[in-house]
């Protein structure tokens, strides 16, 4: 038991993959969304911002600056 629903687990896995793609590639957010199985890039942005406090684009830029 994880204390999470299946849907929450799926979203967490998708966001982990999105973070990996954002850091390891120069793919646009739309392509990252497609690769993690989310058809709407706006949905990725909304979920990512909720989880990390920034949009995927802003988060990526901050990670690059601190690397």
PDB file of N, CA and C in Angstrom:
ATOM      1  N   UNK A   1       0.836  -1.192   0.000  1.00  0.00           N
ATOM      2  CA  UNK A   1       0.000   0.000   0.000  1.00  0.00           C
ATOM      3  C   UNK A   1       0.871   1.242   0.000  1.00  0.00           C
ATOM      4  N   UNK A   2       0.516   2.142  -0.847  1.00  0.00           N
ATOM      5  CA  UNK A   2       1.320   3.354  -0.994  1.00  0.00           C
ATOM      6  C   UNK A   2       0.631   4.593  -0.446  1.00  0.00           C
ATOM      7  N   UNK A   3      -0.649   4.492  -0.128  1.00  0.00           N
ATOM      8  CA  UNK A   3      -1.381   5.663   0.322  1.00  0.00           C
ATOM      9  C   UNK A   3      -1.795   6.569  -0.823  1.00  0.00           C
ATOM     10  N   UNK A   4      -1.591   6.098  -2.050  1.00  0.00           N
ATOM     11  CA  UNK A   4      -1.955   6.871  -3.239  1.00  0.00           C
ATOM     12  C   UNK A   4      -2.904   6.052  -4.097  1.00  0.00           C
ATOM     13  N   UNK A   5      -3.700   6.759  -4.872  1.00  0.00           N
ATOM     14  CA  UNK A   5      -4.555   6.070  -5.828  1.00  0.00           C
ATOM     15  C   UNK A   5      -3.721   5.680  -7.046  1.00  0.00           C
ATOM     16  N   UNK A   6      -4.267   4.809  -7.851  1.00  0.00           N
ATOM     17  CA  UNK A   6      -3.591   4.422  -9.091  1.00  0.00           C
ATOM     18  C   UNK A   6      -3.377   5.652  -9.967  1.00  0.00           C
ATOM     19  N   UNK A   7      -4.380   6.503 -10.049  1.00  0.00           N
ATOM     20  CA  UNK A   7      -4.263   7.722 -10.865  1.00  0.00           C
ATOM     21  C   UNK A   7      -3.132   8.611 -10.359  1.00  0.00           C
ATOM     22  N   UNK A   8      -3.017   8.790  -9.045  1.00  0.00           N
ATOM     23  CA  UNK A   8      -1.930   9.600  -8.481  1.00  0.00           C
ATOM     24  C   UNK A   8      -0.576   8.997  -8.823  1.00  0.00           C
ATOM     25  N   UNK A   9      -0.467   7.681  -8.749  1.00  0.00           N
ATOM     26  CA  UNK A   9       0.785   7.002  -9.070  1.00  0.00           C
ATOM     27  C   UNK A   9       1.150   7.216 -10.544  1.00  0.00           C
ATOM     28  N   UNK A  10       0.148   7.100 -11.416  1.00  0.00           N
ATOM     29  CA  UNK A  10       0.391   7.307 -12.846  1.00  0.00           C
ATOM     30  C   UNK A  10       0.879   8.728 -13.106  1.00  0.00           C
ATOM     31  N   UNK A  11       0.235   9.705 -12.501  1.00  0.00           N
ATOM     32  CA  UNK A  11       0.641  11.102 -12.687  1.00  0.00           C
ATOM     33  C   UNK A  11       2.061  11.307 -12.179  1.00  0.00           C
ATOM     34  N   UNK A  12       2.387  10.743 -11.025  1.00  0.00           N
ATOM     35  CA  UNK A  12       3.750  10.873 -10.486  1.00  0.00           C
ATOM     36  C   UNK A  12       4.777  10.282 -11.437  1.00  0.00           C
ATOM     37  N   UNK A  13       4.484   9.115 -11.997  1.00  0.00           N
ATOM     38  CA  UNK A  13       5.411   8.479 -12.941  1.00  0.00           C
ATOM     39  C   UNK A  13       5.562   9.328 -14.203  1.00  0.00           C
ATOM     40  N   UNK A  14       4.448   9.856 -14.697  1.00  0.00           N
ATOM     41  CA  UNK A  14       4.513  10.696 -15.894  1.00  0.00           C
ATOM     42  C   UNK A  14       5.327  11.960 -15.633  1.00  0.00           C
ATOM     43  N   UNK A  15       5.156  12.558 -14.470  1.00  0.00           N
ATOM     44  CA  UNK A  15       5.906  13.778 -14.154  1.00  0.00           C
ATOM     45  C   UNK A  15       7.389  13.467 -13.954  1.00  0.00           C
ATOM     46  N   UNK A  16       7.702  12.302 -13.412  1.00  0.00           N
ATOM     47  CA  UNK A  16       9.108  11.906 -13.279  1.00  0.00           C
ATOM     48  C   UNK A  16       9.739  11.762 -14.663  1.00  0.00           C
ATOM     49  N   UNK A  17       9.014  11.154 -15.579  1.00  0.00           N
ATOM     50  CA  UNK A  17       9.521  11.012 -16.947  1.00  0.00           C
ATOM     51  C   UNK A  17       9.620  12.376 -17.622  1.00  0.00           C
ATOM     52  N   UNK A  18       8.645  13.244 -17.382  1.00  0.00           N
ATOM     53  CA  UNK A  18       8.696  14.596 -17.955  1.00  0.00           C
ATOM     54  C   UNK A  18       9.927  15.340 -17.450  1.00  0.00           C
ATOM     55  N   UNK A  19      10.216  15.249 -16.156  1.00  0.00           N
ATOM     56  CA  UNK A  19      11.420  15.903 -15.611  1.00  0.00           C
ATOM     57  C   UNK A  19      12.667  15.372 -16.296  1.00  0.00           C
ATOM     58  N   UNK A  20      12.730  14.073 -16.465  1.00  0.00           N
ATOM     59  CA  UNK A  20      13.882  13.455 -17.113  1.00  0.00           C
ATOM     60  C   UNK A  20      14.039  13.964 -18.549  1.00  0.00           C
ATOM     61  N   UNK A  21      12.951  14.032 -19.278  1.00  0.00           N
ATOM     62  CA  UNK A  21      13.008  14.521 -20.655  1.00  0.00           C
ATOM     63  C   UNK A  21      13.363  16.003 -20.708  1.00  0.00           C
ATOM     64  N   UNK A  22      12.833  16.782 -19.784  1.00  0.00           N
ATOM     65  CA  UNK A  22      13.144  18.212 -19.765  1.00  0.00           C
ATOM     66  C   UNK A  22      14.624  18.452 -19.501  1.00  0.00           C
ATOM     67  N   UNK A  23      15.210  17.642 -18.632  1.00  0.00           N
ATOM     68  CA  UNK A  23      16.630  17.810 -18.307  1.00  0.00           C
ATOM     69  C   UNK A  23      17.556  17.197 -19.353  1.00  0.00           C
ATOM     70  N   UNK A  24      17.141  16.080 -19.916  1.00  0.00           N
ATOM     71  CA  UNK A  24      18.039  15.330 -20.780  1.00  0.00           C
ATOM     72  C   UNK A  24      17.903  15.583 -22.265  1.00  0.00           C
ATOM     73  N   UNK A  25      16.910  16.378 -22.648  1.00  0.00           N
ATOM     74  CA  UNK A  25      16.693  16.660 -24.067  1.00  0.00           C
ATOM     75  C   UNK A  25      16.369  18.136 -24.243  1.00  0.00           C
ATOM     76  N   UNK A  26      16.271  18.541 -25.492  1.00  0.00           N
ATOM     77  CA  UNK A  26      15.813  19.902 -25.775  1.00  0.00           C
ATOM     78  C   UNK A  26      14.413  19.882 -26.387  1.00  0.00           C
ATOM     79  N   UNK A  27      13.666  18.819 -26.101  1.00  0.00           N
ATOM     80  CA  UNK A  27      12.308  18.689 -26.623  1.00  0.00           C
ATOM     81  C   UNK A  27      11.417  19.815 -26.118  1.00  0.00           C
ATOM     82  N   UNK A  28      10.508  20.256 -26.976  1.00  0.00           N
ATOM     83  CA  UNK A  28       9.501  21.237 -26.577  1.00  0.00           C
ATOM     84  C   UNK A  28       8.533  20.581 -25.596  1.00  0.00           C
ATOM     85  N   UNK A  29       7.870  21.399 -24.810  1.00  0.00           N
ATOM     86  CA  UNK A  29       6.913  20.889 -23.823  1.00  0.00           C
ATOM     87  C   UNK A  29       5.834  20.053 -24.512  1.00  0.00           C
ATOM     88  N   UNK A  30       5.407  20.442 -25.709  1.00  0.00           N
ATOM     89  CA  UNK A  30       4.397  19.664 -26.434  1.00  0.00           C
ATOM     90  C   UNK A  30       4.887  18.252 -26.718  1.00  0.00           C
ATOM     91  N   UNK A  31       6.148  18.118 -27.106  1.00  0.00           N
ATOM     92  CA  UNK A  31       6.710  16.800 -27.388  1.00  0.00           C
ATOM     93  C   UNK A  31       6.888  16.005 -26.104  1.00  0.00           C
ATOM     94  N   UNK A  32       7.315  16.658 -25.041  1.00  0.00           N
ATOM     95  CA  UNK A  32       7.429  15.984 -23.742  1.00  0.00           C
ATOM     96  C   UNK A  32       6.063  15.451 -23.335  1.00  0.00           C
ATOM     97  N   UNK A  33       5.031  16.273 -23.481  1.00  0.00           N
ATOM     98  CA  UNK A  33       3.671  15.847 -23.137  1.00  0.00           C
ATOM     99  C   UNK A  33       3.291  14.592 -23.913  1.00  0.00           C
ATOM    100  N   UNK A  34       3.533  14.605 -25.207  1.00  0.00           N
ATOM    101  CA  UNK A  34       3.192  13.452 -26.038  1.00  0.00           C
ATOM    102  C   UNK A  34       3.958  12.210 -25.601  1.00  0.00           C
ATOM    103  N   UNK A  35       5.216  12.367 -25.285  1.00  0.00           N
ATOM    104  CA  UNK A  35       6.038  11.214 -24.905  1.00  0.00           C
ATOM    105  C   UNK A  35       5.657  10.615 -23.559  1.00  0.00           C
ATOM    106  N   UNK A  36       5.082  11.420 -22.679  1.00  0.00           N
ATOM    107  CA  UNK A  36       4.656  10.872 -21.381  1.00  0.00           C
ATOM    108  C   UNK A  36       3.186  10.460 -21.398  1.00  0.00           C
ATOM    109  N   UNK A  37       2.562  10.539 -22.573  1.00  0.00           N
ATOM    110  CA  UNK A  37       1.205  10.036 -22.722  1.00  0.00           C
ATOM    111  C   UNK A  37       0.100  11.013 -22.384  1.00  0.00           C
ATOM    112  N   UNK A  38       0.388  12.307 -22.472  1.00  0.00           N
ATOM    113  CA  UNK A  38      -0.633  13.321 -22.214  1.00  0.00           C
ATOM    114  C   UNK A  38      -0.811  14.124 -23.495  1.00  0.00           C
ATOM    115  N   UNK A  39      -2.016  14.064 -24.058  1.00  0.00           N
ATOM    116  CA  UNK A  39      -2.267  14.690 -25.354  1.00  0.00           C
ATOM    117  C   UNK A  39      -2.265  16.210 -25.297  1.00  0.00           C
ATOM    118  N   UNK A  40      -2.652  16.776 -24.170  1.00  0.00           N
ATOM    119  CA  UNK A  40      -2.789  18.228 -24.045  1.00  0.00           C
ATOM    120  C   UNK A  40      -1.587  18.815 -23.315  1.00  0.00           C
ATOM    121  N   UNK A  41      -0.731  19.579 -24.005  1.00  0.00           N
ATOM    122  CA  UNK A  41       0.423  20.188 -23.340  1.00  0.00           C
ATOM    123  C   UNK A  41       0.019  21.089 -22.174  1.00  0.00           C
ATOM    124  N   UNK A  42      -1.150  21.700 -22.263  1.00  0.00           N
ATOM    125  CA  UNK A  42      -1.637  22.531 -21.167  1.00  0.00           C
ATOM    126  C   UNK A  42      -1.841  21.734 -19.891  1.00  0.00           C
ATOM    127  N   UNK A  43      -2.246  20.491 -20.039  1.00  0.00           N
ATOM    128  CA  UNK A  43      -2.426  19.616 -18.874  1.00  0.00           C
ATOM    129  C   UNK A  43      -1.082  19.317 -18.218  1.00  0.00           C
ATOM    130  N   UNK A  44      -0.067  19.064 -19.024  1.00  0.00           N
ATOM    131  CA  UNK A  44       1.270  18.833 -18.469  1.00  0.00           C
ATOM    132  C   UNK A  44       1.731  20.069 -17.703  1.00  0.00           C
ATOM    133  N   UNK A  45       1.528  21.228 -18.292  1.00  0.00           N
ATOM    134  CA  UNK A  45       1.939  22.469 -17.632  1.00  0.00           C
ATOM    135  C   UNK A  45       1.204  22.650 -16.313  1.00  0.00           C
ATOM    136  N   UNK A  46      -0.104  22.411 -16.307  1.00  0.00           N
ATOM    137  CA  UNK A  46      -0.902  22.575 -15.090  1.00  0.00           C
ATOM    138  C   UNK A  46      -0.439  21.621 -13.993  1.00  0.00           C
ATOM    139  N   UNK A  47      -0.292  20.355 -14.326  1.00  0.00           N
ATOM    140  CA  UNK A  47       0.116  19.353 -13.337  1.00  0.00           C
ATOM    141  C   UNK A  47       1.547  19.613 -12.875  1.00  0.00           C
ATOM    142  N   UNK A  48       2.419  19.944 -13.805  1.00  0.00           N
ATOM    143  CA  UNK A  48       3.820  20.198 -13.468  1.00  0.00           C
ATOM    144  C   UNK A  48       3.933  21.400 -12.538  1.00  0.00           C
ATOM    145  N   UNK A  49       3.198  22.465 -12.847  1.00  0.00           N
ATOM    146  CA  UNK A  49       3.232  23.667 -12.009  1.00  0.00           C
ATOM    147  C   UNK A  49       2.709  23.352 -10.605  1.00  0.00           C
ATOM    148  N   UNK A  50       1.667  22.552 -10.513  1.00  0.00           N
ATOM    149  CA  UNK A  50       1.118  22.167  -9.207  1.00  0.00           C
ATOM    150  C   UNK A  50       2.159  21.382  -8.400  1.00  0.00           C
ATOM    151  N   UNK A  51       2.883  20.492  -9.052  1.00  0.00           N
ATOM    152  CA  UNK A  51       3.858  19.644  -8.359  1.00  0.00           C
ATOM    153  C   UNK A  51       5.163  20.365  -8.043  1.00  0.00           C
ATOM    154  N   UNK A  52       5.590  21.282  -8.915  1.00  0.00           N
ATOM    155  CA  UNK A  52       6.928  21.868  -8.790  1.00  0.00           C
ATOM    156  C   UNK A  52       6.963  23.380  -8.611  1.00  0.00           C
ATOM    157  N   UNK A  53       5.795  24.015  -8.686  1.00  0.00           N
ATOM    158  CA  UNK A  53       5.746  25.458  -8.459  1.00  0.00           C
ATOM    159  C   UNK A  53       6.121  26.308  -9.655  1.00  0.00           C
ATOM    160  N   UNK A  54       6.529  25.687 -10.738  1.00  0.00           N
ATOM    161  CA  UNK A  54       6.913  26.399 -11.962  1.00  0.00           C
ATOM    162  C   UNK A  54       6.380  25.644 -13.168  1.00  0.00           C
ATOM    163  N   UNK A  55       6.265  26.348 -14.278  1.00  0.00           N
ATOM    164  CA  UNK A  55       5.927  25.684 -15.534  1.00  0.00           C
ATOM    165  C   UNK A  55       7.110  24.814 -15.952  1.00  0.00           C
ATOM    166  N   UNK A  56       6.884  23.838 -16.827  1.00  0.00           N
ATOM    167  CA  UNK A  56       8.005  23.011 -17.284  1.00  0.00           C
ATOM    168  C   UNK A  56       9.142  23.838 -17.892  1.00  0.00           C
ATOM    169  N   UNK A  57       8.801  24.836 -18.675  1.00  0.00           N
ATOM    170  CA  UNK A  57       9.821  25.671 -19.328  1.00  0.00           C
ATOM    171  C   UNK A  57      10.648  26.435 -18.295  1.00  0.00           C
ATOM    172  N   UNK A  58       9.982  27.039 -17.315  1.00  0.00           N
ATOM    173  CA  UNK A  58      10.690  27.785 -16.272  1.00  0.00           C
ATOM    174  C   UNK A  58      11.528  26.849 -15.422  1.00  0.00           C
ATOM    175  N   UNK A  59      10.974  25.694 -15.067  1.00  0.00           N
ATOM    176  CA  UNK A  59      11.701  24.711 -14.254  1.00  0.00           C
ATOM    177  C   UNK A  59      12.976  24.274 -14.982  1.00  0.00           C
ATOM    178  N   UNK A  60      12.848  23.986 -16.280  1.00  0.00           N
ATOM    179  CA  UNK A  60      14.012  23.569 -17.072  1.00  0.00           C
ATOM    180  C   UNK A  60      15.082  24.658 -17.056  1.00  0.00           C
ATOM    181  N   UNK A  61      14.681  25.892 -17.277  1.00  0.00           N
ATOM    182  CA  UNK A  61      15.641  27.003 -17.300  1.00  0.00           C
ATOM    183  C   UNK A  61      16.351  27.139 -15.956  1.00  0.00           C
ATOM    184  N   UNK A  62      15.624  26.988 -14.872  1.00  0.00           N
ATOM    185  CA  UNK A  62      16.244  27.077 -13.543  1.00  0.00           C
ATOM    186  C   UNK A  62      17.228  25.938 -13.320  1.00  0.00           C
ATOM    187  N   UNK A  63      16.888  24.738 -13.782  1.00  0.00           N
ATOM    188  CA  UNK A  63      17.775  23.591 -13.614  1.00  0.00           C
ATOM    189  C   UNK A  63      19.058  23.780 -14.410  1.00  0.00           C
ATOM    190  N   UNK A  64      18.930  24.304 -15.607  1.00  0.00           N
ATOM    191  CA  UNK A  64      20.099  24.530 -16.464  1.00  0.00           C
ATOM    192  C   UNK A  64      21.013  25.577 -15.837  1.00  0.00           C
ATOM    193  N   UNK A  65      20.420  26.627 -15.267  1.00  0.00           N
ATOM    194  CA  UNK A  65      21.223  27.688 -14.643  1.00  0.00           C
ATOM    195  C   UNK A  65      21.987  27.184 -13.427  1.00  0.00           C
ATOM    196  N   UNK A  66      21.421  26.233 -12.682  1.00  0.00           N
ATOM    197  CA  UNK A  66      22.082  25.764 -11.462  1.00  0.00           C
ATOM    198  C   UNK A  66      23.019  24.592 -11.726  1.00  0.00           C
ATOM    199  N   UNK A  67      23.018  24.077 -12.942  1.00  0.00           N
ATOM    200  CA  UNK A  67      23.886  22.928 -13.255  1.00  0.00           C
ATOM    201  C   UNK A  67      25.301  23.363 -13.580  1.00  0.00           C
TER     202      UNK A  67
END
